[in-house]
Amino acid sequence: MKKLARLTALLLTGALLLVLTACGTATGAETEQQAKQRLLNEINSYRASLDPSLAPLVEVKQLSDAEQELIEHFRAAGKTALPESEADEAIESWRSKTKDWTYCSEFGPGWDHDENAYILSAKVPANTPEGKAELWAALKGSGKFMGEDCKHIGIAVVTIDGQMYWSCCMYY
């Protein structure tokens, strides 16, 4: 009887582990929300490393919601490039939602004139020391996170074909 109880407990534990793994919780996989928060923390750490007097960028929900809606168009299309016709509509909607803010700079999406498409190219790096180094190199290479007048940020993350991408805009 004890063996049967032990076997049943073992099977139930295995089934629970299988269910949790399928849901992504037991694997430790980072969610989009966790990635977004990590990116924001790293951006602010990077800014502080450049100049300790730079205030951290404050995430504004309205701006992040607009940014998320913009990059959701990429998720819906299932690709990282939107043709001009689709991109124009998405960008116009984003502009209407951010019109009361003064724009500083952006990172993530951009216009590819050769392809005549709006491209989402900033991949969320792994949550490892190597990933952090990769992110800081991208931030440094962009030259866009040093503005002392930039105080607010809208930031979003989206997963396309198993890869997370991110986008942000900074505002005065």
N, C-alpha and C. Protein backbone atom coordinates (compact mmCIF):
# COMPACT_ATOMS: atom_id res chain seq x y z
N MET A 1 0.82 -1.18 0.00
CA MET A 1 0.00 0.00 0.00
C MET A 1 0.87 1.27 0.00
N LYS A 2 1.95 1.21 0.81
CA LYS A 2 2.85 2.36 0.86
C LYS A 2 3.48 2.61 -0.50
N LYS A 3 3.83 1.53 -1.21
CA LYS A 3 4.43 1.68 -2.53
C LYS A 3 3.46 2.31 -3.51
N LEU A 4 2.19 1.94 -3.42
CA LEU A 4 1.17 2.50 -4.29
C LEU A 4 0.98 3.99 -4.01
N ALA A 5 0.97 4.36 -2.74
CA ALA A 5 0.82 5.77 -2.36
C ALA A 5 2.02 6.58 -2.84
N ARG A 6 3.20 6.01 -2.68
CA ARG A 6 4.42 6.67 -3.11
C ARG A 6 4.43 6.83 -4.64
N LEU A 7 4.03 5.80 -5.35
CA LEU A 7 3.98 5.84 -6.80
C LEU A 7 2.95 6.87 -7.28
N THR A 8 1.81 6.92 -6.62
CA THR A 8 0.78 7.90 -6.97
C THR A 8 1.29 9.31 -6.75
N ALA A 9 1.94 9.56 -5.62
CA ALA A 9 2.49 10.89 -5.33
C ALA A 9 3.54 11.27 -6.36
N LEU A 10 4.37 10.32 -6.73
CA LEU A 10 5.41 10.56 -7.73
C LEU A 10 4.80 10.89 -9.09
N LEU A 11 3.78 10.14 -9.48
CA LEU A 11 3.11 10.41 -10.75
C LEU A 11 2.42 11.77 -10.75
N LEU A 12 1.77 12.12 -9.65
CA LEU A 12 1.12 13.43 -9.56
C LEU A 12 2.14 14.56 -9.61
N THR A 13 3.26 14.37 -8.94
CA THR A 13 4.33 15.38 -8.97
C THR A 13 4.86 15.54 -10.39
N GLY A 14 5.08 14.42 -11.07
CA GLY A 14 5.55 14.47 -12.45
C GLY A 14 4.55 15.16 -13.37
N ALA A 15 3.27 14.85 -13.20
CA ALA A 15 2.23 15.48 -14.02
C ALA A 15 2.18 16.99 -13.76
N LEU A 16 2.29 17.39 -12.50
CA LEU A 16 2.29 18.81 -12.16
C LEU A 16 3.49 19.52 -12.77
N LEU A 17 4.64 18.88 -12.68
CA LEU A 17 5.84 19.46 -13.29
C LEU A 17 5.68 19.60 -14.80
N LEU A 18 5.09 18.61 -15.42
CA LEU A 18 4.85 18.68 -16.86
C LEU A 18 3.91 19.83 -17.22
N VAL A 19 2.85 19.99 -16.44
CA VAL A 19 1.90 21.09 -16.69
C VAL A 19 2.59 22.43 -16.50
N LEU A 20 3.36 22.58 -15.43
CA LEU A 20 4.05 23.85 -15.17
C LEU A 20 5.07 24.15 -16.26
N THR A 21 5.76 23.14 -16.72
CA THR A 21 6.74 23.33 -17.79
C THR A 21 6.04 23.77 -19.07
N ALA A 22 4.93 23.18 -19.37
CA ALA A 22 4.18 23.56 -20.57
C ALA A 22 3.69 24.99 -20.49
N CYS A 23 3.41 25.48 -19.28
CA CYS A 23 2.94 26.85 -19.09
C CYS A 23 4.10 27.84 -19.04
N GLY A 24 5.31 27.34 -18.96
CA GLY A 24 6.46 28.23 -18.97
C GLY A 24 6.91 28.67 -17.60
N THR A 25 6.24 28.30 -16.53
CA THR A 25 6.61 28.78 -15.21
C THR A 25 7.75 27.99 -14.60
N ALA A 26 7.83 26.73 -14.86
CA ALA A 26 8.89 25.93 -14.25
C ALA A 26 10.20 26.08 -15.02
N THR A 27 10.15 26.53 -16.25
CA THR A 27 11.37 26.63 -17.05
C THR A 27 12.15 27.91 -16.74
N GLY A 28 11.52 28.86 -16.07
CA GLY A 28 12.21 30.11 -15.80
C GLY A 28 12.23 31.04 -17.00
N ALA A 29 11.46 30.74 -18.02
CA ALA A 29 11.43 31.59 -19.21
C ALA A 29 10.92 32.98 -18.83
N GLU A 30 11.58 33.97 -19.34
CA GLU A 30 11.23 35.36 -19.06
C GLU A 30 9.98 35.75 -19.84
N THR A 31 9.02 36.39 -19.18
CA THR A 31 7.83 36.88 -19.86
C THR A 31 8.14 38.21 -20.52
N GLU A 32 7.25 38.64 -21.40
CA GLU A 32 7.42 39.95 -22.05
C GLU A 32 7.45 41.05 -21.00
N GLN A 33 6.58 40.97 -20.00
CA GLN A 33 6.54 42.00 -18.96
C GLN A 33 7.84 42.03 -18.16
N GLN A 34 8.37 40.86 -17.83
CA GLN A 34 9.66 40.79 -17.13
C GLN A 34 10.78 41.35 -17.98
N ALA A 35 10.77 41.02 -19.26
CA ALA A 35 11.80 41.54 -20.17
C ALA A 35 11.72 43.05 -20.26
N LYS A 36 10.51 43.58 -20.34
CA LYS A 36 10.32 45.03 -20.42
C LYS A 36 10.89 45.71 -19.17
N GLN A 37 10.59 45.16 -18.01
CA GLN A 37 11.10 45.76 -16.77
C GLN A 37 12.62 45.66 -16.70
N ARG A 38 13.17 44.53 -17.14
CA ARG A 38 14.63 44.37 -17.14
C ARG A 38 15.28 45.37 -18.08
N LEU A 39 14.69 45.55 -19.26
CA LEU A 39 15.23 46.52 -20.22
C LEU A 39 15.21 47.93 -19.63
N LEU A 40 14.11 48.31 -19.02
CA LEU A 40 14.01 49.64 -18.41
C LEU A 40 15.06 49.81 -17.32
N ASN A 41 15.22 48.81 -16.48
CA ASN A 41 16.24 48.88 -15.42
C ASN A 41 17.64 49.02 -16.02
N GLU A 42 17.91 48.26 -17.08
CA GLU A 42 19.23 48.33 -17.72
C GLU A 42 19.46 49.68 -18.40
N ILE A 43 18.42 50.22 -19.04
CA ILE A 43 18.55 51.55 -19.65
C ILE A 43 18.91 52.57 -18.58
N ASN A 44 18.23 52.52 -17.46
CA ASN A 44 18.51 53.48 -16.39
C ASN A 44 19.88 53.25 -15.76
N SER A 45 20.30 51.99 -15.64
CA SER A 45 21.66 51.70 -15.15
C SER A 45 22.70 52.24 -16.12
N TYR A 46 22.44 52.05 -17.41
CA TYR A 46 23.35 52.55 -18.43
C TYR A 46 23.46 54.07 -18.35
N ARG A 47 22.32 54.75 -18.24
CA ARG A 47 22.32 56.22 -18.13
C ARG A 47 23.13 56.67 -16.91
N ALA A 48 22.92 55.99 -15.79
CA ALA A 48 23.64 56.35 -14.56
C ALA A 48 25.14 56.11 -14.71
N SER A 49 25.52 55.08 -15.49
CA SER A 49 26.95 54.82 -15.68
C SER A 49 27.60 55.91 -16.52
N LEU A 50 26.83 56.55 -17.40
CA LEU A 50 27.35 57.63 -18.22
C LEU A 50 27.50 58.92 -17.43
N ASP A 51 26.49 59.18 -16.62
CA ASP A 51 26.45 60.41 -15.85
C ASP A 51 25.52 60.20 -14.65
N PRO A 52 26.10 60.07 -13.46
CA PRO A 52 25.27 59.80 -12.28
C PRO A 52 24.21 60.86 -12.01
N SER A 53 24.36 62.04 -12.59
CA SER A 53 23.36 63.08 -12.36
C SER A 53 22.13 62.94 -13.27
N LEU A 54 22.20 62.04 -14.28
CA LEU A 54 21.05 61.83 -15.16
C LEU A 54 19.93 61.15 -14.37
N ALA A 55 18.77 61.75 -14.41
CA ALA A 55 17.62 61.16 -13.73
C ALA A 55 17.19 59.89 -14.46
N PRO A 56 16.71 58.90 -13.72
CA PRO A 56 16.19 57.70 -14.39
C PRO A 56 14.98 58.06 -15.25
N LEU A 57 14.85 57.37 -16.36
CA LEU A 57 13.66 57.55 -17.19
C LEU A 57 12.47 56.91 -16.47
N VAL A 58 11.37 57.63 -16.44
CA VAL A 58 10.17 57.16 -15.77
C VAL A 58 9.21 56.62 -16.83
N GLU A 59 8.80 55.38 -16.64
CA GLU A 59 7.84 54.80 -17.58
C GLU A 59 6.47 55.43 -17.35
N VAL A 60 5.85 55.85 -18.44
CA VAL A 60 4.51 56.42 -18.40
C VAL A 60 3.58 55.42 -19.09
N LYS A 61 2.58 54.95 -18.36
CA LYS A 61 1.69 53.92 -18.88
C LYS A 61 1.08 54.29 -20.23
N GLN A 62 0.61 55.50 -20.37
CA GLN A 62 0.00 55.95 -21.63
C GLN A 62 0.99 55.78 -22.80
N LEU A 63 2.24 56.14 -22.56
CA LEU A 63 3.25 56.04 -23.61
C LEU A 63 3.61 54.58 -23.90
N SER A 64 3.71 53.77 -22.85
CA SER A 64 4.00 52.34 -23.05
C SER A 64 2.84 51.65 -23.75
N ASP A 65 1.62 52.03 -23.41
CA ASP A 65 0.45 51.45 -24.09
C ASP A 65 0.48 51.79 -25.58
N ALA A 66 0.82 53.03 -25.91
CA ALA A 66 0.91 53.44 -27.32
C ALA A 66 2.02 52.66 -28.03
N GLU A 67 3.14 52.49 -27.36
CA GLU A 67 4.27 51.76 -27.93
C GLU A 67 3.89 50.28 -28.15
N GLN A 68 3.19 49.72 -27.15
CA GLN A 68 2.77 48.32 -27.26
C GLN A 68 1.80 48.14 -28.43
N GLU A 69 0.85 49.06 -28.54
CA GLU A 69 -0.11 48.97 -29.64
C GLU A 69 0.61 49.04 -30.99
N LEU A 70 1.62 49.89 -31.06
CA LEU A 70 2.38 50.03 -32.31
C LEU A 70 3.05 48.71 -32.68
N ILE A 71 3.76 48.10 -31.73
CA ILE A 71 4.49 46.89 -32.11
C ILE A 71 3.61 45.65 -32.14
N GLU A 72 2.39 45.75 -31.61
CA GLU A 72 1.44 44.63 -31.76
C GLU A 72 1.10 44.40 -33.23
N HIS A 73 1.24 45.43 -34.06
CA HIS A 73 1.01 45.26 -35.50
C HIS A 73 2.02 44.27 -36.09
N PHE A 74 3.24 44.28 -35.57
CA PHE A 74 4.25 43.32 -36.02
C PHE A 74 3.85 41.91 -35.60
N ARG A 75 3.39 41.78 -34.34
CA ARG A 75 2.98 40.46 -33.85
C ARG A 75 1.82 39.93 -34.71
N ALA A 76 0.83 40.79 -34.97
CA ALA A 76 -0.34 40.38 -35.75
C ALA A 76 0.07 39.94 -37.16
N ALA A 77 1.06 40.61 -37.72
CA ALA A 77 1.54 40.26 -39.06
C ALA A 77 2.45 39.03 -39.01
N GLY A 78 2.96 38.71 -37.82
CA GLY A 78 3.85 37.55 -37.68
C GLY A 78 5.21 37.76 -38.30
N LYS A 79 5.62 39.04 -38.43
CA LYS A 79 6.91 39.33 -39.04
C LYS A 79 7.45 40.65 -38.49
N THR A 80 8.72 40.91 -38.75
CA THR A 80 9.38 42.10 -38.21
C THR A 80 9.46 43.23 -39.22
N ALA A 81 8.75 43.12 -40.32
CA ALA A 81 8.70 44.19 -41.31
C ALA A 81 7.25 44.42 -41.71
N LEU A 82 6.85 45.68 -41.69
CA LEU A 82 5.50 46.04 -42.13
C LEU A 82 5.62 46.88 -43.39
N PRO A 83 4.86 46.53 -44.43
CA PRO A 83 4.88 47.37 -45.62
C PRO A 83 4.32 48.76 -45.30
N GLU A 84 4.66 49.70 -46.13
CA GLU A 84 4.29 51.09 -45.89
C GLU A 84 2.81 51.26 -45.58
N SER A 85 1.94 50.58 -46.30
CA SER A 85 0.49 50.75 -46.10
C SER A 85 0.07 50.35 -44.69
N GLU A 86 0.61 49.25 -44.17
CA GLU A 86 0.30 48.83 -42.81
C GLU A 86 0.99 49.71 -41.78
N ALA A 87 2.22 50.07 -42.06
CA ALA A 87 3.01 50.88 -41.13
C ALA A 87 2.41 52.27 -40.95
N ASP A 88 1.97 52.87 -42.03
CA ASP A 88 1.39 54.22 -41.94
C ASP A 88 0.22 54.27 -40.97
N GLU A 89 -0.65 53.29 -41.05
CA GLU A 89 -1.82 53.25 -40.16
C GLU A 89 -1.38 53.07 -38.71
N ALA A 90 -0.42 52.17 -38.47
CA ALA A 90 0.07 51.92 -37.11
C ALA A 90 0.76 53.15 -36.54
N ILE A 91 1.59 53.79 -37.34
CA ILE A 91 2.33 54.98 -36.87
C ILE A 91 1.38 56.14 -36.61
N GLU A 92 0.40 56.30 -37.45
CA GLU A 92 -0.58 57.38 -37.26
C GLU A 92 -1.36 57.19 -35.97
N SER A 93 -1.73 55.98 -35.67
CA SER A 93 -2.43 55.69 -34.41
C SER A 93 -1.52 56.00 -33.22
N TRP A 94 -0.25 55.59 -33.32
CA TRP A 94 0.72 55.86 -32.26
C TRP A 94 0.87 57.37 -32.05
N ARG A 95 0.99 58.12 -33.14
CA ARG A 95 1.13 59.58 -33.04
C ARG A 95 -0.07 60.21 -32.34
N SER A 96 -1.26 59.74 -32.64
CA SER A 96 -2.46 60.32 -32.02
C SER A 96 -2.48 60.06 -30.51
N LYS A 97 -1.87 58.96 -30.08
CA LYS A 97 -1.86 58.62 -28.66
C LYS A 97 -0.72 59.29 -27.88
N THR A 98 0.25 59.82 -28.60
CA THR A 98 1.41 60.45 -27.95
C THR A 98 1.51 61.94 -28.27
N LYS A 99 0.49 62.50 -28.90
CA LYS A 99 0.55 63.88 -29.41
C LYS A 99 0.74 64.93 -28.32
N ASP A 100 0.36 64.64 -27.08
CA ASP A 100 0.51 65.62 -26.00
C ASP A 100 1.90 65.58 -25.36
N TRP A 101 2.78 64.73 -25.89
CA TRP A 101 4.13 64.60 -25.34
C TRP A 101 5.13 65.10 -26.36
N THR A 102 6.25 65.64 -25.87
CA THR A 102 7.32 66.10 -26.76
C THR A 102 8.36 65.00 -26.85
N TYR A 103 8.55 64.53 -28.07
CA TYR A 103 9.40 63.39 -28.38
C TYR A 103 10.88 63.77 -28.28
N CYS A 104 11.69 62.88 -27.69
CA CYS A 104 13.15 63.05 -27.63
C CYS A 104 13.85 62.16 -28.64
N SER A 105 13.59 60.86 -28.51
CA SER A 105 14.34 59.89 -29.29
C SER A 105 13.62 58.55 -29.24
N GLU A 106 13.98 57.66 -30.17
CA GLU A 106 13.38 56.33 -30.20
C GLU A 106 14.45 55.28 -30.36
N PHE A 107 14.07 54.05 -30.07
CA PHE A 107 14.97 52.91 -30.25
C PHE A 107 14.12 51.69 -30.57
N GLY A 108 14.52 50.92 -31.54
CA GLY A 108 13.81 49.68 -31.87
C GLY A 108 13.35 49.65 -33.30
N PRO A 109 12.23 50.32 -33.59
CA PRO A 109 11.75 50.28 -34.97
C PRO A 109 12.41 51.37 -35.82
N GLY A 110 12.36 51.19 -37.10
CA GLY A 110 12.90 52.20 -38.00
C GLY A 110 12.46 51.96 -39.42
N TRP A 111 12.60 52.96 -40.23
CA TRP A 111 12.18 52.88 -41.62
C TRP A 111 13.33 52.36 -42.47
N ASP A 112 13.08 51.33 -43.25
CA ASP A 112 14.06 50.80 -44.20
C ASP A 112 13.68 51.31 -45.58
N HIS A 113 14.43 52.30 -46.06
CA HIS A 113 14.10 52.93 -47.34
C HIS A 113 14.28 51.98 -48.52
N ASP A 114 15.24 51.05 -48.42
CA ASP A 114 15.45 50.10 -49.51
C ASP A 114 14.26 49.15 -49.65
N GLU A 115 13.75 48.71 -48.51
CA GLU A 115 12.61 47.78 -48.51
C GLU A 115 11.27 48.50 -48.52
N ASN A 116 11.30 49.82 -48.28
CA ASN A 116 10.08 50.62 -48.15
C ASN A 116 9.14 49.98 -47.12
N ALA A 117 9.74 49.70 -45.94
CA ALA A 117 9.01 49.02 -44.88
C ALA A 117 9.49 49.53 -43.52
N TYR A 118 8.61 49.39 -42.54
CA TYR A 118 8.91 49.73 -41.15
C TYR A 118 9.43 48.45 -40.50
N ILE A 119 10.63 48.50 -39.96
CA ILE A 119 11.33 47.32 -39.46
C ILE A 119 11.45 47.37 -37.94
N LEU A 120 11.17 46.25 -37.29
CA LEU A 120 11.40 46.09 -35.85
C LEU A 120 12.61 45.19 -35.71
N SER A 121 13.74 45.76 -35.29
CA SER A 121 14.99 45.00 -35.33
C SER A 121 15.66 44.80 -33.98
N ALA A 122 15.21 45.48 -32.93
CA ALA A 122 15.88 45.37 -31.63
C ALA A 122 15.42 44.12 -30.90
N LYS A 123 16.29 43.12 -30.88
CA LYS A 123 15.99 41.87 -30.18
C LYS A 123 16.26 42.03 -28.69
N VAL A 124 15.41 41.43 -27.88
CA VAL A 124 15.65 41.42 -26.43
C VAL A 124 16.78 40.43 -26.19
N PRO A 125 17.91 40.90 -25.64
CA PRO A 125 19.02 39.98 -25.39
C PRO A 125 18.71 39.06 -24.21
N ALA A 126 19.44 37.97 -24.15
CA ALA A 126 19.27 37.00 -23.07
C ALA A 126 19.52 37.67 -21.72
N ASN A 127 18.88 37.14 -20.70
CA ASN A 127 19.06 37.64 -19.33
C ASN A 127 20.29 36.97 -18.72
N THR A 128 21.45 37.30 -19.28
CA THR A 128 22.73 36.75 -18.87
C THR A 128 23.74 37.89 -18.87
N PRO A 129 24.91 37.69 -18.28
CA PRO A 129 25.95 38.73 -18.37
C PRO A 129 26.30 39.07 -19.82
N GLU A 130 26.32 38.07 -20.68
CA GLU A 130 26.62 38.32 -22.10
C GLU A 130 25.50 39.14 -22.73
N GLY A 131 24.25 38.82 -22.38
CA GLY A 131 23.11 39.57 -22.90
C GLY A 131 23.13 41.01 -22.44
N LYS A 132 23.53 41.22 -21.19
CA LYS A 132 23.64 42.59 -20.67
C LYS A 132 24.70 43.36 -21.45
N ALA A 133 25.85 42.73 -21.69
CA ALA A 133 26.91 43.38 -22.46
C ALA A 133 26.43 43.72 -23.87
N GLU A 134 25.67 42.80 -24.47
CA GLU A 134 25.12 43.04 -25.81
C GLU A 134 24.16 44.23 -25.80
N LEU A 135 23.31 44.29 -24.77
CA LEU A 135 22.36 45.39 -24.65
C LEU A 135 23.09 46.71 -24.46
N TRP A 136 24.06 46.75 -23.55
CA TRP A 136 24.78 47.99 -23.30
C TRP A 136 25.53 48.45 -24.55
N ALA A 137 26.06 47.51 -25.32
CA ALA A 137 26.75 47.88 -26.57
C ALA A 137 25.75 48.50 -27.55
N ALA A 138 24.54 47.95 -27.62
CA ALA A 138 23.51 48.50 -28.51
C ALA A 138 23.09 49.89 -28.03
N LEU A 139 22.94 50.07 -26.72
CA LEU A 139 22.56 51.37 -26.18
C LEU A 139 23.64 52.40 -26.47
N LYS A 140 24.88 52.00 -26.25
CA LYS A 140 26.00 52.91 -26.51
C LYS A 140 26.09 53.26 -27.99
N GLY A 141 25.94 52.26 -28.84
CA GLY A 141 26.02 52.48 -30.27
C GLY A 141 24.92 53.37 -30.82
N SER A 142 23.80 53.40 -30.13
CA SER A 142 22.67 54.21 -30.60
C SER A 142 22.87 55.69 -30.30
N GLY A 143 23.59 55.99 -29.22
CA GLY A 143 23.79 57.38 -28.80
C GLY A 143 22.49 58.07 -28.41
N LYS A 144 21.46 57.32 -28.06
CA LYS A 144 20.14 57.90 -27.84
C LYS A 144 19.68 57.95 -26.39
N PHE A 145 20.45 57.50 -25.47
CA PHE A 145 19.97 57.40 -24.09
C PHE A 145 20.69 58.34 -23.13
N MET A 146 21.34 59.36 -23.69
CA MET A 146 22.15 60.24 -22.87
C MET A 146 21.51 61.59 -22.62
N GLY A 147 20.38 61.88 -23.23
CA GLY A 147 19.76 63.19 -23.11
C GLY A 147 19.28 63.49 -21.70
N GLU A 148 19.84 64.53 -21.11
CA GLU A 148 19.45 64.88 -19.74
C GLU A 148 18.04 65.45 -19.68
N ASP A 149 17.56 65.98 -20.80
CA ASP A 149 16.21 66.52 -20.82
C ASP A 149 15.15 65.44 -21.01
N CYS A 150 15.55 64.28 -21.49
CA CYS A 150 14.60 63.17 -21.63
C CYS A 150 14.33 62.60 -20.25
N LYS A 151 13.07 62.58 -19.86
CA LYS A 151 12.71 62.16 -18.50
C LYS A 151 11.71 61.01 -18.48
N HIS A 152 11.00 60.79 -19.60
CA HIS A 152 9.92 59.81 -19.64
C HIS A 152 10.15 58.81 -20.77
N ILE A 153 9.55 57.63 -20.60
CA ILE A 153 9.74 56.60 -21.61
C ILE A 153 8.45 55.79 -21.77
N GLY A 154 8.21 55.39 -23.00
CA GLY A 154 7.22 54.38 -23.33
C GLY A 154 8.00 53.21 -23.88
N ILE A 155 7.78 52.03 -23.34
CA ILE A 155 8.58 50.87 -23.72
C ILE A 155 7.66 49.66 -23.87
N ALA A 156 7.96 48.80 -24.86
CA ALA A 156 7.11 47.64 -25.12
C ALA A 156 7.95 46.48 -25.64
N VAL A 157 7.43 45.29 -25.42
CA VAL A 157 8.09 44.05 -25.87
C VAL A 157 7.04 43.19 -26.56
N VAL A 158 7.44 42.54 -27.62
CA VAL A 158 6.55 41.65 -28.36
C VAL A 158 7.35 40.42 -28.79
N THR A 159 6.69 39.27 -28.85
CA THR A 159 7.33 38.03 -29.29
C THR A 159 6.83 37.68 -30.69
N ILE A 160 7.78 37.46 -31.59
CA ILE A 160 7.46 37.05 -32.96
C ILE A 160 8.32 35.83 -33.28
N ASP A 161 7.68 34.74 -33.64
CA ASP A 161 8.38 33.49 -33.96
C ASP A 161 9.37 33.08 -32.87
N GLY A 162 8.95 33.20 -31.61
CA GLY A 162 9.78 32.76 -30.50
C GLY A 162 10.88 33.72 -30.07
N GLN A 163 11.05 34.82 -30.77
CA GLN A 163 12.08 35.81 -30.44
C GLN A 163 11.40 37.07 -29.92
N MET A 164 11.89 37.59 -28.78
CA MET A 164 11.35 38.84 -28.26
C MET A 164 12.06 40.02 -28.90
N TYR A 165 11.27 41.04 -29.23
CA TYR A 165 11.76 42.30 -29.77
C TYR A 165 11.25 43.42 -28.88
N TRP A 166 11.96 44.55 -28.88
CA TRP A 166 11.51 45.65 -28.06
C TRP A 166 11.61 46.98 -28.79
N SER A 167 10.88 47.92 -28.25
CA SER A 167 10.82 49.25 -28.84
C SER A 167 10.59 50.25 -27.71
N CYS A 168 11.14 51.44 -27.87
CA CYS A 168 10.86 52.48 -26.87
C CYS A 168 10.98 53.86 -27.52
N CYS A 169 10.30 54.80 -26.90
CA CYS A 169 10.43 56.21 -27.26
C CYS A 169 10.61 56.98 -25.97
N MET A 170 11.47 57.97 -26.02
CA MET A 170 11.72 58.82 -24.86
C MET A 170 11.13 60.20 -25.12
N TYR A 171 10.71 60.83 -24.05
CA TYR A 171 10.01 62.12 -24.13
C TYR A 171 10.55 63.08 -23.07
N TYR A 172 10.36 64.38 -23.35
CA TYR A 172 10.74 65.42 -22.39
C TYR A 172 9.75 65.44 -21.26
